[in-house]
Amino acid sequence: MSSQTIYHLLGEIAITFASIEYRLVNLLEYLLTDDNCSLVRPYILDDLSLSRRIQKIRDVAELRLWDHKPVFTKLKNILSDIDGL
């Protein structure tokens, strides 16, 4: 395997993790706010570590998805998989 291939694969991994982090912030912002203009993201969410974001999503989703247990269970399983990575 050439060094160019290794760098390419590492770049793909970095982009994938950045995409996951971005989507987790979007999900948490969606769960926390009801409008499209929120100051929560730049002042709070962007400073959280990945593991802290995942934990916050679990906490907030448990409250927001109280009436949708199957959705919450599926989300919890997905978050566990992401946390495991």
PDB file of N, CA and C in Angstrom:
ATOM      1  N   MET A   1       0.852  -1.169   0.000  1.00  0.00           N
ATOM      2  CA  MET A   1       0.000   0.000   0.000  1.00  0.00           C
ATOM      3  C   MET A   1       0.900   1.234   0.000  1.00  0.00           C
ATOM      4  N   SER A   2       0.634   2.124  -0.912  1.00  0.00           N
ATOM      5  CA  SER A   2       1.471   3.320  -1.027  1.00  0.00           C
ATOM      6  C   SER A   2       1.069   4.358   0.025  1.00  0.00           C
ATOM      7  N   SER A   3       1.991   5.285   0.277  1.00  0.00           N
ATOM      8  CA  SER A   3       1.701   6.341   1.254  1.00  0.00           C
ATOM      9  C   SER A   3       0.564   7.230   0.755  1.00  0.00           C
ATOM     10  N   GLN A   4       0.433   7.384  -0.545  1.00  0.00           N
ATOM     11  CA  GLN A   4      -0.653   8.189  -1.104  1.00  0.00           C
ATOM     12  C   GLN A   4      -2.003   7.542  -0.785  1.00  0.00           C
ATOM     13  N   THR A   5      -2.080   6.212  -0.876  1.00  0.00           N
ATOM     14  CA  THR A   5      -3.301   5.488  -0.553  1.00  0.00           C
ATOM     15  C   THR A   5      -3.631   5.628   0.928  1.00  0.00           C
ATOM     16  N   ILE A   6      -2.624   5.532   1.772  1.00  0.00           N
ATOM     17  CA  ILE A   6      -2.836   5.666   3.216  1.00  0.00           C
ATOM     18  C   ILE A   6      -3.359   7.062   3.536  1.00  0.00           C
ATOM     19  N   TYR A   7      -2.766   8.088   2.956  1.00  0.00           N
ATOM     20  CA  TYR A   7      -3.223   9.457   3.196  1.00  0.00           C
ATOM     21  C   TYR A   7      -4.647   9.659   2.695  1.00  0.00           C
ATOM     22  N   HIS A   8      -4.959   9.034   1.569  1.00  0.00           N
ATOM     23  CA  HIS A   8      -6.315   9.122   1.026  1.00  0.00           C
ATOM     24  C   HIS A   8      -7.316   8.494   1.997  1.00  0.00           C
ATOM     25  N   LEU A   9      -6.999   7.319   2.512  1.00  0.00           N
ATOM     26  CA  LEU A   9      -7.887   6.640   3.458  1.00  0.00           C
ATOM     27  C   LEU A   9      -8.027   7.426   4.759  1.00  0.00           C
ATOM     28  N   LEU A  10      -6.936   7.975   5.253  1.00  0.00           N
ATOM     29  CA  LEU A  10      -6.993   8.794   6.467  1.00  0.00           C
ATOM     30  C   LEU A  10      -7.840  10.050   6.242  1.00  0.00           C
ATOM     31  N   GLY A  11      -7.738  10.620   5.055  1.00  0.00           N
ATOM     32  CA  GLY A  11      -8.557  11.778   4.717  1.00  0.00           C
ATOM     33  C   GLY A  11     -10.037  11.434   4.693  1.00  0.00           C
ATOM     34  N   GLU A  12     -10.367  10.276   4.125  1.00  0.00           N
ATOM     35  CA  GLU A  12     -11.767   9.832   4.105  1.00  0.00           C
ATOM     36  C   GLU A  12     -12.300   9.615   5.513  1.00  0.00           C
ATOM     37  N   ILE A  13     -11.486   9.019   6.382  1.00  0.00           N
ATOM     38  CA  ILE A  13     -11.891   8.798   7.774  1.00  0.00           C
ATOM     39  C   ILE A  13     -12.129  10.138   8.471  1.00  0.00           C
ATOM     40  N   ALA A  14     -11.228  11.082   8.285  1.00  0.00           N
ATOM     41  CA  ALA A  14     -11.367  12.400   8.912  1.00  0.00           C
ATOM     42  C   ALA A  14     -12.634  13.100   8.438  1.00  0.00           C
ATOM     43  N   ILE A  15     -12.912  13.033   7.146  1.00  0.00           N
ATOM     44  CA  ILE A  15     -14.113  13.661   6.591  1.00  0.00           C
ATOM     45  C   ILE A  15     -15.370  12.991   7.128  1.00  0.00           C
ATOM     46  N   THR A  16     -15.341  11.674   7.233  1.00  0.00           N
ATOM     47  CA  THR A  16     -16.496  10.947   7.754  1.00  0.00           C
ATOM     48  C   THR A  16     -16.787  11.342   9.196  1.00  0.00           C
ATOM     49  N   PHE A  17     -15.751  11.400  10.041  1.00  0.00           N
ATOM     50  CA  PHE A  17     -15.954  11.794  11.431  1.00  0.00           C
ATOM     51  C   PHE A  17     -16.415  13.242  11.542  1.00  0.00           C
ATOM     52  N   ALA A  18     -15.889  14.119  10.717  1.00  0.00           N
ATOM     53  CA  ALA A  18     -16.331  15.514  10.733  1.00  0.00           C
ATOM     54  C   ALA A  18     -17.803  15.609  10.340  1.00  0.00           C
ATOM     55  N   SER A  19     -18.208  14.813   9.378  1.00  0.00           N
ATOM     56  CA  SER A  19     -19.602  14.784   8.945  1.00  0.00           C
ATOM     57  C   SER A  19     -20.510  14.274  10.066  1.00  0.00           C
ATOM     58  N   ILE A  20     -20.072  13.235  10.758  1.00  0.00           N
ATOM     59  CA  ILE A  20     -20.845  12.701  11.890  1.00  0.00           C
ATOM     60  C   ILE A  20     -20.994  13.766  12.972  1.00  0.00           C
ATOM     61  N   GLU A  21     -19.900  14.441  13.303  1.00  0.00           N
ATOM     62  CA  GLU A  21     -19.954  15.490  14.328  1.00  0.00           C
ATOM     63  C   GLU A  21     -20.911  16.606  13.921  1.00  0.00           C
ATOM     64  N   TYR A  22     -20.845  17.022  12.675  1.00  0.00           N
ATOM     65  CA  TYR A  22     -21.717  18.086  12.172  1.00  0.00           C
ATOM     66  C   TYR A  22     -23.182  17.672  12.281  1.00  0.00           C
ATOM     67  N   ARG A  23     -23.480  16.451  11.900  1.00  0.00           N
ATOM     68  CA  ARG A  23     -24.865  15.974  11.950  1.00  0.00           C
ATOM     69  C   ARG A  23     -25.352  15.816  13.389  1.00  0.00           C
ATOM     70  N   LEU A  24     -24.462  15.430  14.299  1.00  0.00           N
ATOM     71  CA  LEU A  24     -24.842  15.332  15.704  1.00  0.00           C
ATOM     72  C   LEU A  24     -25.186  16.704  16.275  1.00  0.00           C
ATOM     73  N   VAL A  25     -24.423  17.710  15.905  1.00  0.00           N
ATOM     74  CA  VAL A  25     -24.723  19.078  16.355  1.00  0.00           C
ATOM     75  C   VAL A  25     -26.063  19.526  15.777  1.00  0.00           C
ATOM     76  N   ASN A  26     -26.318  19.225  14.513  1.00  0.00           N
ATOM     77  CA  ASN A  26     -27.612  19.573  13.910  1.00  0.00           C
ATOM     78  C   ASN A  26     -28.765  18.903  14.648  1.00  0.00           C
ATOM     79  N   LEU A  27     -28.588  17.630  14.980  1.00  0.00           N
ATOM     80  CA  LEU A  27     -29.629  16.896  15.688  1.00  0.00           C
ATOM     81  C   LEU A  27     -29.865  17.491  17.076  1.00  0.00           C
ATOM     82  N   LEU A  28     -28.803  17.778  17.790  1.00  0.00           N
ATOM     83  CA  LEU A  28     -28.941  18.347  19.122  1.00  0.00           C
ATOM     84  C   LEU A  28     -29.587  19.728  19.059  1.00  0.00           C
ATOM     85  N   GLU A  29     -29.197  20.531  18.092  1.00  0.00           N
ATOM     86  CA  GLU A  29     -29.810  21.850  17.926  1.00  0.00           C
ATOM     87  C   GLU A  29     -31.296  21.712  17.624  1.00  0.00           C
ATOM     88  N   TYR A  30     -31.653  20.762  16.786  1.00  0.00           N
ATOM     89  CA  TYR A  30     -33.058  20.515  16.456  1.00  0.00           C
ATOM     90  C   TYR A  30     -33.843  20.116  17.708  1.00  0.00           C
ATOM     91  N   LEU A  31     -33.263  19.248  18.525  1.00  0.00           N
ATOM     92  CA  LEU A  31     -33.950  18.802  19.729  1.00  0.00           C
ATOM     93  C   LEU A  31     -34.094  19.915  20.770  1.00  0.00           C
ATOM     94  N   LEU A  32     -33.160  20.849  20.782  1.00  0.00           N
ATOM     95  CA  LEU A  32     -33.162  21.900  21.794  1.00  0.00           C
ATOM     96  C   LEU A  32     -33.975  23.136  21.423  1.00  0.00           C
ATOM     97  N   THR A  33     -34.159  23.398  20.143  1.00  0.00           N
ATOM     98  CA  THR A  33     -34.792  24.647  19.733  1.00  0.00           C
ATOM     99  C   THR A  33     -36.010  24.377  18.865  1.00  0.00           C
ATOM    100  N   ASP A  34     -36.896  25.349  18.832  1.00  0.00           N
ATOM    101  CA  ASP A  34     -38.099  25.239  18.011  1.00  0.00           C
ATOM    102  C   ASP A  34     -38.093  26.175  16.810  1.00  0.00           C
ATOM    103  N   ASP A  35     -37.091  27.018  16.696  1.00  0.00           N
ATOM    104  CA  ASP A  35     -37.060  27.968  15.593  1.00  0.00           C
ATOM    105  C   ASP A  35     -35.799  27.797  14.759  1.00  0.00           C
ATOM    106  N   ASN A  36     -35.744  28.499  13.645  1.00  0.00           N
ATOM    107  CA  ASN A  36     -34.601  28.390  12.743  1.00  0.00           C
ATOM    108  C   ASN A  36     -33.466  29.333  13.112  1.00  0.00           C
ATOM    109  N   CYS A  37     -33.715  30.269  13.994  1.00  0.00           N
ATOM    110  CA  CYS A  37     -32.707  31.245  14.386  1.00  0.00           C
ATOM    111  C   CYS A  37     -32.307  30.972  15.830  1.00  0.00           C
ATOM    112  N   SER A  38     -31.238  30.256  16.008  1.00  0.00           N
ATOM    113  CA  SER A  38     -30.838  29.855  17.346  1.00  0.00           C
ATOM    114  C   SER A  38     -29.411  30.280  17.635  1.00  0.00           C
ATOM    115  N   LEU A  39     -29.194  30.770  18.833  1.00  0.00           N
ATOM    116  CA  LEU A  39     -27.841  31.096  19.275  1.00  0.00           C
ATOM    117  C   LEU A  39     -27.243  29.964  20.104  1.00  0.00           C
ATOM    118  N   VAL A  40     -27.984  28.881  20.237  1.00  0.00           N
ATOM    119  CA  VAL A  40     -27.505  27.741  21.015  1.00  0.00           C
ATOM    120  C   VAL A  40     -26.280  27.121  20.360  1.00  0.00           C
ATOM    121  N   ARG A  41     -26.332  26.985  19.054  1.00  0.00           N
ATOM    122  CA  ARG A  41     -25.235  26.319  18.349  1.00  0.00           C
ATOM    123  C   ARG A  41     -23.889  27.030  18.509  1.00  0.00           C
ATOM    124  N   PRO A  42     -23.782  28.284  18.128  1.00  0.00           N
ATOM    125  CA  PRO A  42     -22.450  28.901  18.191  1.00  0.00           C
ATOM    126  C   PRO A  42     -21.930  29.120  19.607  1.00  0.00           C
ATOM    127  N   TYR A  43     -22.827  29.311  20.560  1.00  0.00           N
ATOM    128  CA  TYR A  43     -22.373  29.628  21.913  1.00  0.00           C
ATOM    129  C   TYR A  43     -22.248  28.431  22.840  1.00  0.00           C
ATOM    130  N   ILE A  44     -22.905  27.318  22.504  1.00  0.00           N
ATOM    131  CA  ILE A  44     -22.877  26.161  23.399  1.00  0.00           C
ATOM    132  C   ILE A  44     -22.455  24.882  22.683  1.00  0.00           C
ATOM    133  N   LEU A  45     -23.144  24.541  21.620  1.00  0.00           N
ATOM    134  CA  LEU A  45     -22.975  23.230  20.999  1.00  0.00           C
ATOM    135  C   LEU A  45     -21.633  23.040  20.309  1.00  0.00           C
ATOM    136  N   ASP A  46     -21.125  24.082  19.678  1.00  0.00           N
ATOM    137  CA  ASP A  46     -19.870  23.940  18.944  1.00  0.00           C
ATOM    138  C   ASP A  46     -18.676  23.690  19.860  1.00  0.00           C
ATOM    139  N   ASP A  47     -18.815  24.016  21.140  1.00  0.00           N
ATOM    140  CA  ASP A  47     -17.706  23.834  22.082  1.00  0.00           C
ATOM    141  C   ASP A  47     -17.717  22.484  22.793  1.00  0.00           C
ATOM    142  N   LEU A  48     -18.740  21.681  22.572  1.00  0.00           N
ATOM    143  CA  LEU A  48     -18.833  20.386  23.241  1.00  0.00           C
ATOM    144  C   LEU A  48     -17.962  19.343  22.539  1.00  0.00           C
ATOM    145  N   SER A  49     -17.398  18.445  23.309  1.00  0.00           N
ATOM    146  CA  SER A  49     -16.657  17.328  22.718  1.00  0.00           C
ATOM    147  C   SER A  49     -17.655  16.344  22.110  1.00  0.00           C
ATOM    148  N   LEU A  50     -17.169  15.447  21.293  1.00  0.00           N
ATOM    149  CA  LEU A  50     -18.036  14.481  20.621  1.00  0.00           C
ATOM    150  C   LEU A  50     -18.786  13.618  21.637  1.00  0.00           C
ATOM    151  N   SER A  51     -18.099  13.108  22.632  1.00  0.00           N
ATOM    152  CA  SER A  51     -18.766  12.255  23.620  1.00  0.00           C
ATOM    153  C   SER A  51     -19.805  13.037  24.420  1.00  0.00           C
ATOM    154  N   ARG A  52     -19.519  14.299  24.698  1.00  0.00           N
ATOM    155  CA  ARG A  52     -20.469  15.147  25.426  1.00  0.00           C
ATOM    156  C   ARG A  52     -21.692  15.439  24.563  1.00  0.00           C
ATOM    157  N   ARG A  53     -21.489  15.643  23.259  1.00  0.00           N
ATOM    158  CA  ARG A  53     -22.618  15.851  22.345  1.00  0.00           C
ATOM    159  C   ARG A  53     -23.528  14.634  22.325  1.00  0.00           C
ATOM    160  N   ILE A  54     -22.918  13.463  22.244  1.00  0.00           N
ATOM    161  CA  ILE A  54     -23.697  12.230  22.217  1.00  0.00           C
ATOM    162  C   ILE A  54     -24.505  12.084  23.500  1.00  0.00           C
ATOM    163  N   GLN A  55     -23.888  12.350  24.630  1.00  0.00           N
ATOM    164  CA  GLN A  55     -24.600  12.245  25.909  1.00  0.00           C
ATOM    165  C   GLN A  55     -25.738  13.250  25.995  1.00  0.00           C
ATOM    166  N   LYS A  56     -25.507  14.474  25.532  1.00  0.00           N
ATOM    167  CA  LYS A  56     -26.556  15.495  25.547  1.00  0.00           C
ATOM    168  C   LYS A  56     -27.716  15.095  24.632  1.00  0.00           C
ATOM    169  N   ILE A  57     -27.417  14.525  23.479  1.00  0.00           N
ATOM    170  CA  ILE A  57     -28.477  14.072  22.572  1.00  0.00           C
ATOM    171  C   ILE A  57     -29.304  13.001  23.256  1.00  0.00           C
ATOM    172  N   ARG A  58     -28.646  12.056  23.919  1.00  0.00           N
ATOM    173  CA  ARG A  58     -29.389  11.009  24.649  1.00  0.00           C
ATOM    174  C   ARG A  58     -30.315  11.633  25.692  1.00  0.00           C
ATOM    175  N   ASP A  59     -29.788  12.558  26.468  1.00  0.00           N
ATOM    176  CA  ASP A  59     -30.568  13.177  27.540  1.00  0.00           C
ATOM    177  C   ASP A  59     -31.774  13.942  27.006  1.00  0.00           C
ATOM    178  N   VAL A  60     -31.527  14.775  26.006  1.00  0.00           N
ATOM    179  CA  VAL A  60     -32.607  15.610  25.463  1.00  0.00           C
ATOM    180  C   VAL A  60     -33.607  14.756  24.682  1.00  0.00           C
ATOM    181  N   ALA A  61     -33.118  13.806  23.909  1.00  0.00           N
ATOM    182  CA  ALA A  61     -34.008  12.960  23.107  1.00  0.00           C
ATOM    183  C   ALA A  61     -34.922  12.122  23.996  1.00  0.00           C
ATOM    184  N   GLU A  62     -34.419  11.707  25.126  1.00  0.00           N
ATOM    185  CA  GLU A  62     -35.262  10.924  26.043  1.00  0.00           C
ATOM    186  C   GLU A  62     -36.485  11.749  26.480  1.00  0.00           C
ATOM    187  N   LEU A  63     -36.293  13.034  26.687  1.00  0.00           N
ATOM    188  CA  LEU A  63     -37.404  13.903  27.064  1.00  0.00           C
ATOM    189  C   LEU A  63     -38.285  14.266  25.867  1.00  0.00           C
ATOM    190  N   ARG A  64     -37.651  14.624  24.755  1.00  0.00           N
ATOM    191  CA  ARG A  64     -38.405  15.082  23.580  1.00  0.00           C
ATOM    192  C   ARG A  64     -39.130  13.945  22.859  1.00  0.00           C
ATOM    193  N   LEU A  65     -38.579  12.743  22.951  1.00  0.00           N
ATOM    194  CA  LEU A  65     -39.176  11.597  22.247  1.00  0.00           C
ATOM    195  C   LEU A  65     -39.907  10.664  23.210  1.00  0.00           C
ATOM    196  N   TRP A  66     -40.365  11.216  24.310  1.00  0.00           N
ATOM    197  CA  TRP A  66     -41.034  10.423  25.343  1.00  0.00           C
ATOM    198  C   TRP A  66     -42.204   9.616  24.772  1.00  0.00           C
ATOM    199  N   ASP A  67     -42.956  10.202  23.868  1.00  0.00           N
ATOM    200  CA  ASP A  67     -44.116   9.525  23.276  1.00  0.00           C
ATOM    201  C   ASP A  67     -43.754   8.669  22.066  1.00  0.00           C
ATOM    202  N   HIS A  68     -42.484   8.630  21.717  1.00  0.00           N
ATOM    203  CA  HIS A  68     -42.030   7.880  20.540  1.00  0.00           C
ATOM    204  C   HIS A  68     -40.918   6.921  20.943  1.00  0.00           C
ATOM    205  N   LYS A  69     -41.236   5.976  21.785  1.00  0.00           N
ATOM    206  CA  LYS A  69     -40.234   5.052  22.338  1.00  0.00           C
ATOM    207  C   LYS A  69     -39.451   4.287  21.267  1.00  0.00           C
ATOM    208  N   PRO A  70     -40.097   3.771  20.205  1.00  0.00           N
ATOM    209  CA  PRO A  70     -39.316   3.047  19.186  1.00  0.00           C
ATOM    210  C   PRO A  70     -38.257   3.933  18.514  1.00  0.00           C
ATOM    211  N   VAL A  71     -38.610   5.189  18.266  1.00  0.00           N
ATOM    212  CA  VAL A  71     -37.654   6.112  17.637  1.00  0.00           C
ATOM    213  C   VAL A  71     -36.501   6.380  18.591  1.00  0.00           C
ATOM    214  N   PHE A  72     -36.824   6.600  19.862  1.00  0.00           N
ATOM    215  CA  PHE A  72     -35.776   6.855  20.850  1.00  0.00           C
ATOM    216  C   PHE A  72     -34.862   5.648  20.997  1.00  0.00           C
ATOM    217  N   THR A  73     -35.429   4.460  21.024  1.00  0.00           N
ATOM    218  CA  THR A  73     -34.620   3.241  21.148  1.00  0.00           C
ATOM    219  C   THR A  73     -33.671   3.096  19.968  1.00  0.00           C
ATOM    220  N   LYS A  74     -34.165   3.347  18.761  1.00  0.00           N
ATOM    221  CA  LYS A  74     -33.323   3.266  17.570  1.00  0.00           C
ATOM    222  C   LYS A  74     -32.219   4.323  17.614  1.00  0.00           C
ATOM    223  N   LEU A  75     -32.570   5.547  17.998  1.00  0.00           N
ATOM    224  CA  LEU A  75     -31.581   6.621  18.117  1.00  0.00           C
ATOM    225  C   LEU A  75     -30.523   6.274  19.163  1.00  0.00           C
ATOM    226  N   LYS A  76     -30.957   5.725  20.277  1.00  0.00           N
ATOM    227  CA  LYS A  76     -30.026   5.341  21.340  1.00  0.00           C
ATOM    228  C   LYS A  76     -29.034   4.281  20.850  1.00  0.00           C
ATOM    229  N   ASN A  77     -29.511   3.332  20.066  1.00  0.00           N
ATOM    230  CA  ASN A  77     -28.632   2.298  19.508  1.00  0.00           C
ATOM    231  C   ASN A  77     -27.633   2.890  18.517  1.00  0.00           C
ATOM    232  N   ILE A  78     -28.098   3.810  17.686  1.00  0.00           N
ATOM    233  CA  ILE A  78     -27.203   4.465  16.716  1.00  0.00           C
ATOM    234  C   ILE A  78     -26.139   5.268  17.454  1.00  0.00           C
ATOM    235  N   LEU A  79     -26.555   6.005  18.485  1.00  0.00           N
ATOM    236  CA  LEU A  79     -25.597   6.804  19.264  1.00  0.00           C
ATOM    237  C   LEU A  79     -24.576   5.908  19.958  1.00  0.00           C
ATOM    238  N   SER A  80     -24.992   4.757  20.421  1.00  0.00           N
ATOM    239  CA  SER A  80     -24.049   3.814  21.049  1.00  0.00           C
ATOM    240  C   SER A  80     -23.021   3.332  20.040  1.00  0.00           C
ATOM    241  N   ASP A  81     -23.480   3.065  18.819  1.00  0.00           N
ATOM    242  CA  ASP A  81     -22.552   2.648  17.760  1.00  0.00           C
ATOM    243  C   ASP A  81     -21.545   3.756  17.449  1.00  0.00           C
ATOM    244  N   ILE A  82     -22.033   4.994  17.344  1.00  0.00           N
ATOM    245  CA  ILE A  82     -21.137   6.120  17.067  1.00  0.00           C
ATOM    246  C   ILE A  82     -20.167   6.317  18.218  1.00  0.00           C
ATOM    247  N   ASP A  83     -20.670   6.229  19.442  1.00  0.00           N
ATOM    248  CA  ASP A  83     -19.823   6.399  20.621  1.00  0.00           C
ATOM    249  C   ASP A  83     -18.728   5.312  20.668  1.00  0.00           C
ATOM    250  N   GLY A  84     -19.074   4.132  20.199  1.00  0.00           N
ATOM    251  CA  GLY A  84     -18.107   3.030  20.169  1.00  0.00           C
ATOM    252  C   GLY A  84     -16.961   3.255  19.187  1.00  0.00           C
ATOM    253  N   LEU A  85     -17.247   4.022  18.147  1.00  0.00           N
ATOM    254  CA  LEU A  85     -16.204   4.313  17.168  1.00  0.00           C
ATOM    255  C   LEU A  85     -15.165   5.238  17.763  1.00  0.00           C
TER     256      LEU A  85
END
